Amino acid sequence: MVSERMQEALNRQLNAELYSAYLYLSMAAYYEASDLPGFANWMRVQAQEELSHAMKFYDYLVQRGARVVLDEIEKPPFEWESPLEVAKHVLEHEKKVTGLINDLVDLAISERDHATNNFLQWFVAEQVEEEESAGSLLQRVRLASDSPSGLLMLDAELAKRVYNPPADKGE
């Protein structure tokens, strides 16, 4: 069992992960409207990853006998100044999520909830990868942003990204 405080915090994170998926889907729609289907693909894959993260929280709450409480999802922005602004927003958002995960780890430690702390370590490692991926995207968009042909080449590269569901422990 998890404490009521931990249950509420995990439910908030489940909602935050769903918001992240919603945000990234909104970014994909922006890129589609900007005729950058490769960028849109990259964001759709990002949205799928965030949905899988939300389901990990959902499944963990159920596994621990806690109540899943779904809350409304905030409306994400849908307009940006440029592809570069979107990439900046992605990195900022991932840093925010890292802070949320770190706060959950701190709560699990303070409550001596070793099982939840162990569960959250996957997300700690995942956020390192997420920030690296977002930082790499931002750097590549910066390099290509002043060159229409460079932007199109990057678009073609980003179109190749495929969603790979995270493996469960023990696989």
N, C-alpha and C. Protein backbone atom coordinates (compact mmCIF):
# COMPACT_ATOMS: atom_id res chain seq x y z
N MET A 1 0.84 -1.20 0.00
CA MET A 1 0.00 0.00 0.00
C MET A 1 0.87 1.25 0.00
N VAL A 2 0.37 2.27 -0.64
CA VAL A 2 1.03 3.57 -0.60
C VAL A 2 0.19 4.49 0.28
N SER A 3 0.85 5.48 0.85
CA SER A 3 0.13 6.43 1.69
C SER A 3 -0.82 7.26 0.83
N GLU A 4 -1.76 7.91 1.48
CA GLU A 4 -2.69 8.77 0.74
C GLU A 4 -1.93 9.91 0.06
N ARG A 5 -0.94 10.45 0.76
CA ARG A 5 -0.14 11.54 0.19
C ARG A 5 0.60 11.08 -1.06
N MET A 6 1.18 9.88 -0.99
CA MET A 6 1.90 9.33 -2.15
C MET A 6 0.93 9.02 -3.28
N GLN A 7 -0.23 8.48 -2.93
CA GLN A 7 -1.24 8.18 -3.94
C GLN A 7 -1.64 9.45 -4.69
N GLU A 8 -1.88 10.52 -3.97
CA GLU A 8 -2.25 11.79 -4.61
C GLU A 8 -1.12 12.30 -5.50
N ALA A 9 0.12 12.18 -5.03
CA ALA A 9 1.27 12.66 -5.81
C ALA A 9 1.45 11.82 -7.08
N LEU A 10 1.28 10.51 -6.97
CA LEU A 10 1.40 9.65 -8.16
C LEU A 10 0.28 9.92 -9.16
N ASN A 11 -0.92 10.18 -8.67
CA ASN A 11 -2.03 10.54 -9.55
C ASN A 11 -1.76 11.87 -10.25
N ARG A 12 -1.18 12.83 -9.54
CA ARG A 12 -0.82 14.11 -10.17
C ARG A 12 0.20 13.88 -11.28
N GLN A 13 1.16 12.97 -11.03
CA GLN A 13 2.17 12.70 -12.05
C GLN A 13 1.56 11.98 -13.25
N LEU A 14 0.63 11.08 -13.00
CA LEU A 14 -0.08 10.42 -14.09
C LEU A 14 -0.73 11.50 -14.96
N ASN A 15 -1.38 12.47 -14.34
CA ASN A 15 -2.00 13.57 -15.08
C ASN A 15 -0.96 14.38 -15.84
N ALA A 16 0.20 14.63 -15.20
CA ALA A 16 1.27 15.40 -15.84
C ALA A 16 1.79 14.66 -17.08
N GLU A 17 1.87 13.35 -17.00
CA GLU A 17 2.32 12.56 -18.16
C GLU A 17 1.29 12.63 -19.29
N LEU A 18 0.02 12.60 -18.93
CA LEU A 18 -1.03 12.73 -19.95
C LEU A 18 -0.97 14.13 -20.58
N TYR A 19 -0.73 15.15 -19.75
CA TYR A 19 -0.59 16.50 -20.29
C TYR A 19 0.60 16.56 -21.26
N SER A 20 1.70 15.92 -20.89
CA SER A 20 2.87 15.91 -21.77
C SER A 20 2.52 15.31 -23.13
N ALA A 21 1.77 14.21 -23.12
CA ALA A 21 1.34 13.60 -24.38
C ALA A 21 0.48 14.56 -25.17
N TYR A 22 -0.42 15.24 -24.48
CA TYR A 22 -1.32 16.21 -25.11
C TYR A 22 -0.52 17.37 -25.70
N LEU A 23 0.47 17.86 -24.94
CA LEU A 23 1.33 18.95 -25.40
C LEU A 23 2.08 18.54 -26.67
N TYR A 24 2.68 17.35 -26.64
CA TYR A 24 3.47 16.90 -27.77
C TYR A 24 2.59 16.62 -28.99
N LEU A 25 1.37 16.18 -28.76
CA LEU A 25 0.45 16.00 -29.87
C LEU A 25 0.07 17.36 -30.47
N SER A 26 -0.08 18.37 -29.63
CA SER A 26 -0.34 19.72 -30.11
C SER A 26 0.84 20.24 -30.93
N MET A 27 2.05 19.93 -30.49
CA MET A 27 3.24 20.32 -31.24
C MET A 27 3.29 19.59 -32.58
N ALA A 28 2.88 18.33 -32.59
CA ALA A 28 2.83 17.57 -33.85
C ALA A 28 1.86 18.23 -34.81
N ALA A 29 0.72 18.66 -34.30
CA ALA A 29 -0.28 19.32 -35.14
C ALA A 29 0.27 20.64 -35.69
N TYR A 30 1.02 21.37 -34.87
CA TYR A 30 1.65 22.61 -35.34
C TYR A 30 2.60 22.30 -36.50
N TYR A 31 3.42 21.26 -36.33
CA TYR A 31 4.36 20.90 -37.39
C TYR A 31 3.63 20.42 -38.65
N GLU A 32 2.55 19.68 -38.48
CA GLU A 32 1.77 19.25 -39.65
C GLU A 32 1.26 20.47 -40.41
N ALA A 33 0.74 21.46 -39.66
CA ALA A 33 0.24 22.68 -40.28
C ALA A 33 1.36 23.49 -40.93
N SER A 34 2.59 23.28 -40.47
CA SER A 34 3.75 23.98 -41.03
C SER A 34 4.41 23.19 -42.16
N ASP A 35 3.76 22.09 -42.57
CA ASP A 35 4.26 21.23 -43.65
C ASP A 35 5.64 20.65 -43.32
N LEU A 36 5.79 20.23 -42.06
CA LEU A 36 7.01 19.55 -41.62
C LEU A 36 6.61 18.19 -41.03
N PRO A 37 6.26 17.23 -41.89
CA PRO A 37 5.76 15.95 -41.40
C PRO A 37 6.78 15.14 -40.60
N GLY A 38 8.06 15.31 -40.87
CA GLY A 38 9.08 14.60 -40.10
C GLY A 38 9.13 15.10 -38.66
N PHE A 39 9.07 16.41 -38.49
CA PHE A 39 9.01 17.00 -37.15
C PHE A 39 7.75 16.52 -36.45
N ALA A 40 6.64 16.50 -37.20
CA ALA A 40 5.37 16.02 -36.63
C ALA A 40 5.50 14.57 -36.17
N ASN A 41 6.15 13.75 -36.97
CA ASN A 41 6.36 12.36 -36.59
C ASN A 41 7.15 12.27 -35.29
N TRP A 42 8.22 13.05 -35.17
CA TRP A 42 9.06 13.03 -33.97
C TRP A 42 8.21 13.35 -32.74
N MET A 43 7.32 14.34 -32.88
CA MET A 43 6.47 14.74 -31.76
C MET A 43 5.40 13.69 -31.46
N ARG A 44 4.88 13.04 -32.50
CA ARG A 44 3.89 11.96 -32.27
C ARG A 44 4.52 10.81 -31.50
N VAL A 45 5.76 10.48 -31.85
CA VAL A 45 6.47 9.43 -31.11
C VAL A 45 6.65 9.86 -29.66
N GLN A 46 6.99 11.13 -29.47
CA GLN A 46 7.16 11.68 -28.13
C GLN A 46 5.84 11.55 -27.35
N ALA A 47 4.73 11.86 -28.01
CA ALA A 47 3.41 11.75 -27.37
C ALA A 47 3.13 10.30 -26.96
N GLN A 48 3.46 9.35 -27.84
CA GLN A 48 3.25 7.94 -27.51
C GLN A 48 4.08 7.53 -26.29
N GLU A 49 5.32 8.01 -26.22
CA GLU A 49 6.16 7.71 -25.06
C GLU A 49 5.52 8.23 -23.79
N GLU A 50 4.99 9.45 -23.84
CA GLU A 50 4.39 10.03 -22.65
C GLU A 50 3.14 9.26 -22.23
N LEU A 51 2.37 8.78 -23.19
CA LEU A 51 1.21 7.95 -22.85
C LEU A 51 1.65 6.66 -22.17
N SER A 52 2.74 6.08 -22.64
CA SER A 52 3.23 4.85 -22.00
C SER A 52 3.72 5.15 -20.58
N HIS A 53 4.30 6.34 -20.37
CA HIS A 53 4.72 6.72 -19.02
C HIS A 53 3.50 6.86 -18.11
N ALA A 54 2.45 7.48 -18.63
CA ALA A 54 1.22 7.62 -17.84
C ALA A 54 0.68 6.24 -17.45
N MET A 55 0.72 5.31 -18.39
CA MET A 55 0.21 3.97 -18.09
C MET A 55 1.07 3.24 -17.07
N LYS A 56 2.37 3.52 -17.04
CA LYS A 56 3.22 2.94 -16.00
C LYS A 56 2.75 3.41 -14.62
N PHE A 57 2.43 4.70 -14.49
CA PHE A 57 1.92 5.21 -13.22
C PHE A 57 0.56 4.59 -12.90
N TYR A 58 -0.30 4.51 -13.90
CA TYR A 58 -1.61 3.89 -13.72
C TYR A 58 -1.46 2.46 -13.19
N ASP A 59 -0.65 1.68 -13.89
CA ASP A 59 -0.46 0.27 -13.51
C ASP A 59 0.16 0.13 -12.13
N TYR A 60 1.11 1.00 -11.80
CA TYR A 60 1.75 0.94 -10.48
C TYR A 60 0.73 1.24 -9.38
N LEU A 61 -0.08 2.24 -9.58
CA LEU A 61 -1.11 2.56 -8.58
C LEU A 61 -2.03 1.37 -8.36
N VAL A 62 -2.49 0.77 -9.46
CA VAL A 62 -3.37 -0.40 -9.35
C VAL A 62 -2.65 -1.54 -8.64
N GLN A 63 -1.41 -1.80 -9.03
CA GLN A 63 -0.63 -2.89 -8.43
C GLN A 63 -0.48 -2.71 -6.92
N ARG A 64 -0.35 -1.47 -6.48
CA ARG A 64 -0.17 -1.19 -5.05
C ARG A 64 -1.49 -1.06 -4.30
N GLY A 65 -2.60 -1.29 -4.96
CA GLY A 65 -3.90 -1.21 -4.30
C GLY A 65 -4.38 0.20 -4.07
N ALA A 66 -3.81 1.15 -4.79
CA ALA A 66 -4.20 2.55 -4.66
C ALA A 66 -5.29 2.88 -5.66
N ARG A 67 -5.96 3.96 -5.45
CA ARG A 67 -7.04 4.40 -6.33
C ARG A 67 -6.49 5.33 -7.39
N VAL A 68 -6.77 5.01 -8.65
CA VAL A 68 -6.42 5.90 -9.75
C VAL A 68 -7.53 6.94 -9.86
N VAL A 69 -7.14 8.20 -9.82
CA VAL A 69 -8.10 9.29 -9.95
C VAL A 69 -7.64 10.18 -11.11
N LEU A 70 -8.39 10.12 -12.19
CA LEU A 70 -8.04 10.91 -13.37
C LEU A 70 -8.64 12.31 -13.24
N ASP A 71 -7.82 13.29 -13.53
CA ASP A 71 -8.24 14.68 -13.43
C ASP A 71 -8.29 15.27 -14.84
N GLU A 72 -8.86 16.45 -14.96
CA GLU A 72 -8.91 17.07 -16.28
C GLU A 72 -7.49 17.42 -16.73
N ILE A 73 -7.31 17.42 -18.05
CA ILE A 73 -6.01 17.73 -18.64
C ILE A 73 -6.06 19.15 -19.17
N GLU A 74 -5.09 19.94 -18.73
CA GLU A 74 -5.01 21.33 -19.15
C GLU A 74 -4.84 21.43 -20.67
N LYS A 75 -5.45 22.46 -21.25
CA LYS A 75 -5.31 22.69 -22.69
C LYS A 75 -3.88 23.15 -22.98
N PRO A 76 -3.20 22.48 -23.91
CA PRO A 76 -1.83 22.90 -24.24
C PRO A 76 -1.83 24.06 -25.23
N PRO A 77 -0.71 24.78 -25.33
CA PRO A 77 -0.62 25.79 -26.39
C PRO A 77 -0.69 25.09 -27.75
N PHE A 78 -1.03 25.85 -28.77
CA PHE A 78 -1.11 25.26 -30.10
C PHE A 78 -0.43 26.12 -31.17
N GLU A 79 0.12 27.25 -30.78
CA GLU A 79 0.84 28.11 -31.72
C GLU A 79 2.22 28.43 -31.16
N TRP A 80 3.20 28.43 -32.04
CA TRP A 80 4.56 28.81 -31.69
C TRP A 80 5.07 29.73 -32.78
N GLU A 81 6.10 30.47 -32.48
CA GLU A 81 6.67 31.41 -33.45
C GLU A 81 7.41 30.70 -34.59
N SER A 82 8.01 29.54 -34.26
CA SER A 82 8.85 28.86 -35.24
C SER A 82 9.16 27.44 -34.75
N PRO A 83 9.69 26.60 -35.63
CA PRO A 83 10.13 25.27 -35.19
C PRO A 83 11.16 25.36 -34.05
N LEU A 84 11.99 26.38 -34.08
CA LEU A 84 12.99 26.56 -33.01
C LEU A 84 12.31 26.80 -31.67
N GLU A 85 11.25 27.59 -31.65
CA GLU A 85 10.53 27.86 -30.40
C GLU A 85 9.88 26.58 -29.85
N VAL A 86 9.41 25.73 -30.74
CA VAL A 86 8.84 24.45 -30.30
C VAL A 86 9.93 23.61 -29.64
N ALA A 87 11.08 23.52 -30.28
CA ALA A 87 12.18 22.72 -29.75
C ALA A 87 12.63 23.25 -28.39
N LYS A 88 12.67 24.56 -28.23
CA LYS A 88 13.01 25.15 -26.93
C LYS A 88 11.97 24.75 -25.89
N HIS A 89 10.71 24.79 -26.26
CA HIS A 89 9.62 24.43 -25.35
C HIS A 89 9.73 22.96 -24.92
N VAL A 90 10.09 22.09 -25.84
CA VAL A 90 10.25 20.67 -25.52
C VAL A 90 11.30 20.49 -24.42
N LEU A 91 12.46 21.12 -24.58
CA LEU A 91 13.52 20.98 -23.58
C LEU A 91 13.08 21.57 -22.24
N GLU A 92 12.46 22.74 -22.26
CA GLU A 92 11.97 23.34 -21.01
C GLU A 92 10.98 22.41 -20.32
N HIS A 93 10.08 21.83 -21.11
CA HIS A 93 9.08 20.94 -20.54
C HIS A 93 9.72 19.69 -19.93
N GLU A 94 10.68 19.11 -20.62
CA GLU A 94 11.34 17.92 -20.08
C GLU A 94 12.07 18.23 -18.78
N LYS A 95 12.67 19.41 -18.69
CA LYS A 95 13.32 19.81 -17.43
C LYS A 95 12.30 19.95 -16.31
N LYS A 96 11.13 20.45 -16.64
CA LYS A 96 10.05 20.56 -15.64
C LYS A 96 9.64 19.17 -15.17
N VAL A 97 9.48 18.25 -16.10
CA VAL A 97 9.09 16.88 -15.75
C VAL A 97 10.16 16.24 -14.87
N THR A 98 11.42 16.48 -15.19
CA THR A 98 12.51 15.96 -14.35
C THR A 98 12.34 16.45 -12.91
N GLY A 99 12.02 17.71 -12.75
CA GLY A 99 11.78 18.27 -11.41
C GLY A 99 10.62 17.58 -10.71
N LEU A 100 9.56 17.29 -11.45
CA LEU A 100 8.41 16.60 -10.86
C LEU A 100 8.79 15.19 -10.40
N ILE A 101 9.55 14.49 -11.22
CA ILE A 101 9.99 13.13 -10.87
C ILE A 101 10.91 13.19 -9.64
N ASN A 102 11.82 14.14 -9.62
CA ASN A 102 12.72 14.28 -8.47
C ASN A 102 11.93 14.56 -7.19
N ASP A 103 10.88 15.38 -7.30
CA ASP A 103 10.03 15.65 -6.14
C ASP A 103 9.35 14.38 -5.64
N LEU A 104 8.91 13.54 -6.58
CA LEU A 104 8.29 12.26 -6.19
C LEU A 104 9.30 11.35 -5.48
N VAL A 105 10.52 11.32 -5.99
CA VAL A 105 11.56 10.51 -5.35
C VAL A 105 11.81 11.03 -3.93
N ASP A 106 11.90 12.34 -3.79
CA ASP A 106 12.11 12.92 -2.46
C ASP A 106 10.97 12.54 -1.51
N LEU A 107 9.73 12.56 -2.01
CA LEU A 107 8.59 12.18 -1.18
C LEU A 107 8.67 10.71 -0.79
N ALA A 108 9.01 9.85 -1.76
CA ALA A 108 9.12 8.42 -1.47
C ALA A 108 10.20 8.17 -0.40
N ILE A 109 11.30 8.88 -0.50
CA ILE A 109 12.38 8.73 0.49
C ILE A 109 11.91 9.21 1.85
N SER A 110 11.26 10.38 1.88
CA SER A 110 10.82 10.93 3.17
C SER A 110 9.78 10.04 3.83
N GLU A 111 9.00 9.32 3.03
CA GLU A 111 7.98 8.42 3.58
C GLU A 111 8.51 6.99 3.77
N ARG A 112 9.78 6.80 3.43
CA ARG A 112 10.40 5.48 3.53
C ARG A 112 9.62 4.44 2.72
N ASP A 113 9.12 4.89 1.58
CA ASP A 113 8.37 4.04 0.65
C ASP A 113 9.37 3.50 -0.37
N HIS A 114 10.03 2.42 0.00
CA HIS A 114 11.12 1.87 -0.82
C HIS A 114 10.62 1.32 -2.15
N ALA A 115 9.44 0.74 -2.15
CA ALA A 115 8.90 0.19 -3.40
C ALA A 115 8.65 1.30 -4.42
N THR A 116 8.06 2.40 -3.96
CA THR A 116 7.79 3.51 -4.88
C THR A 116 9.10 4.16 -5.32
N ASN A 117 10.05 4.29 -4.41
CA ASN A 117 11.36 4.83 -4.78
C ASN A 117 11.98 3.96 -5.87
N ASN A 118 11.92 2.66 -5.70
CA ASN A 118 12.45 1.74 -6.71
C ASN A 118 11.72 1.90 -8.05
N PHE A 119 10.41 1.99 -8.00
CA PHE A 119 9.61 2.21 -9.21
C PHE A 119 10.03 3.49 -9.93
N LEU A 120 10.25 4.54 -9.17
CA LEU A 120 10.57 5.85 -9.74
C LEU A 120 11.96 5.93 -10.36
N GLN A 121 12.85 5.02 -9.98
CA GLN A 121 14.21 5.08 -10.53
C GLN A 121 14.22 4.89 -12.04
N TRP A 122 13.25 4.13 -12.58
CA TRP A 122 13.15 4.00 -14.03
C TRP A 122 12.92 5.36 -14.65
N PHE A 123 12.06 6.17 -14.02
CA PHE A 123 11.75 7.50 -14.54
C PHE A 123 12.93 8.46 -14.39
N VAL A 124 13.70 8.31 -13.32
CA VAL A 124 14.89 9.14 -13.15
C VAL A 124 15.83 8.93 -14.34
N ALA A 125 16.08 7.66 -14.67
CA ALA A 125 16.95 7.35 -15.81
C ALA A 125 16.31 7.80 -17.12
N GLU A 126 15.01 7.61 -17.25
CA GLU A 126 14.30 8.01 -18.47
C GLU A 126 14.41 9.50 -18.70
N GLN A 127 14.34 10.29 -17.64
CA GLN A 127 14.42 11.74 -17.80
C GLN A 127 15.80 12.20 -18.26
N VAL A 128 16.83 11.47 -17.89
CA VAL A 128 18.17 11.79 -18.42
C VAL A 128 18.14 11.63 -19.94
N GLU A 129 17.55 10.54 -20.40
CA GLU A 129 17.43 10.30 -21.85
C GLU A 129 16.54 11.34 -22.52
N GLU A 130 15.43 11.68 -21.86
CA GLU A 130 14.48 12.64 -22.44
C GLU A 130 15.13 14.01 -22.61
N GLU A 131 15.86 14.46 -21.59
CA GLU A 131 16.52 15.76 -21.68
C GLU A 131 17.62 15.74 -22.74
N GLU A 132 18.34 14.63 -22.83
CA GLU A 132 19.38 14.52 -23.86
C GLU A 132 18.76 14.57 -25.26
N SER A 133 17.67 13.85 -25.45
CA SER A 133 17.00 13.81 -26.74
C SER A 133 16.45 15.19 -27.11
N ALA A 134 15.82 15.86 -26.14
CA ALA A 134 15.27 17.20 -26.39
C ALA A 134 16.39 18.20 -26.65
N GLY A 135 17.49 18.09 -25.92
CA GLY A 135 18.63 18.97 -26.14
C GLY A 135 19.25 18.77 -27.51
N SER A 136 19.33 17.53 -27.93
CA SER A 136 19.86 17.22 -29.25
C SER A 136 18.96 17.78 -30.34
N LEU A 137 17.65 17.62 -30.17
CA LEU A 137 16.70 18.17 -31.14
C LEU A 137 16.88 19.69 -31.22
N LEU A 138 16.94 20.34 -30.07
CA LEU A 138 17.09 21.79 -30.05
C LEU A 138 18.36 22.23 -30.78
N GLN A 139 19.46 21.54 -30.52
CA GLN A 139 20.72 21.90 -31.16
C GLN A 139 20.64 21.74 -32.68
N ARG A 140 20.03 20.65 -33.13
CA ARG A 140 19.92 20.42 -34.57
C ARG A 140 18.99 21.43 -35.23
N VAL A 141 17.90 21.79 -34.54
CA VAL A 141 16.99 22.80 -35.10
C VAL A 141 17.68 24.15 -35.15
N ARG A 142 18.45 24.47 -34.12
CA ARG A 142 19.21 25.74 -34.13
C ARG A 142 20.13 25.80 -35.34
N LEU A 143 20.84 24.71 -35.59
CA LEU A 143 21.79 24.67 -36.71
C LEU A 143 21.08 24.82 -38.06
N ALA A 144 19.88 24.26 -38.15
CA ALA A 144 19.17 24.25 -39.43
C ALA A 144 18.20 25.42 -39.59
N SER A 145 17.94 26.15 -38.54
CA SER A 145 16.84 27.13 -38.57
C SER A 145 17.03 28.26 -39.57
N ASP A 146 18.25 28.59 -39.91
CA ASP A 146 18.48 29.67 -40.88
C ASP A 146 18.61 29.16 -42.31
N SER A 147 18.43 27.87 -42.48
CA SER A 147 18.61 27.27 -43.80
C SER A 147 17.38 26.43 -44.16
N PRO A 148 16.54 26.91 -45.09
CA PRO A 148 15.37 26.10 -45.47
C PRO A 148 15.74 24.69 -45.91
N SER A 149 16.84 24.55 -46.67
CA SER A 149 17.22 23.20 -47.10
C SER A 149 17.69 22.37 -45.91
N GLY A 150 18.37 23.01 -44.96
CA GLY A 150 18.80 22.30 -43.75
C GLY A 150 17.61 21.84 -42.93
N LEU A 151 16.59 22.68 -42.84
CA LEU A 151 15.37 22.33 -42.11
C LEU A 151 14.67 21.14 -42.77
N LEU A 152 14.64 21.14 -44.10
CA LEU A 152 14.01 20.02 -44.81
C LEU A 152 14.81 18.73 -44.67
N MET A 153 16.13 18.85 -44.64
CA MET A 153 16.96 17.65 -44.42
C MET A 153 16.71 17.09 -43.02
N LEU A 154 16.63 17.97 -42.03
CA LEU A 154 16.34 17.54 -40.66
C LEU A 154 14.95 16.93 -40.58
N ASP A 155 14.00 17.52 -41.29
CA ASP A 155 12.64 16.99 -41.33
C ASP A 155 12.65 15.55 -41.84
N ALA A 156 13.42 15.30 -42.90
CA ALA A 156 13.50 13.95 -43.46
C ALA A 156 14.12 12.98 -42.45
N GLU A 157 15.12 13.44 -41.70
CA GLU A 157 15.74 12.59 -40.68
C GLU A 157 14.75 12.27 -39.55
N LEU A 158 14.02 13.29 -39.09
CA LEU A 158 13.09 13.10 -37.98
C LEU A 158 11.92 12.20 -38.35
N ALA A 159 11.64 12.10 -39.64
CA ALA A 159 10.55 11.24 -40.12
C ALA A 159 10.85 9.76 -39.87
N LYS A 160 12.11 9.42 -39.66
CA LYS A 160 12.51 8.02 -39.49
C LYS A 160 12.34 7.51 -38.05
N ARG A 161 12.07 8.41 -37.12
CA ARG A 161 11.94 7.99 -35.72
C ARG A 161 10.73 7.09 -35.56
N VAL A 162 10.90 5.99 -34.81
CA VAL A 162 9.84 5.03 -34.58
C VAL A 162 9.64 4.86 -33.08
N TYR A 163 8.41 4.63 -32.70
CA TYR A 163 8.10 4.40 -31.29
C TYR A 163 8.52 3.00 -30.89
N ASN A 164 9.30 2.90 -29.82
CA ASN A 164 9.69 1.61 -29.24
C ASN A 164 9.19 1.58 -27.81
N PRO A 165 8.16 0.79 -27.54
CA PRO A 165 7.62 0.74 -26.18
C PRO A 165 8.70 0.33 -25.18
N PRO A 166 8.66 0.92 -23.98
CA PRO A 166 9.65 0.54 -22.97
C PRO A 166 9.43 -0.91 -22.54
N ALA A 167 10.51 -1.61 -22.33
CA ALA A 167 10.44 -3.00 -21.88
C ALA A 167 10.11 -3.03 -20.40
N ASP A 168 9.32 -4.00 -19.99
CA ASP A 168 9.06 -4.19 -18.57
C ASP A 168 10.27 -4.79 -17.92
N LYS A 169 10.37 -4.61 -16.60
CA LYS A 169 11.49 -5.20 -15.87
C LYS A 169 11.46 -6.71 -16.07
N GLY A 170 12.63 -7.28 -16.17
CA GLY A 170 12.73 -8.72 -16.28
C GLY A 170 12.69 -9.23 -17.72
N GLU A 171 12.48 -8.33 -18.66
CA GLU A 171 12.44 -8.78 -20.07
C GLU A 171 13.79 -8.60 -20.72
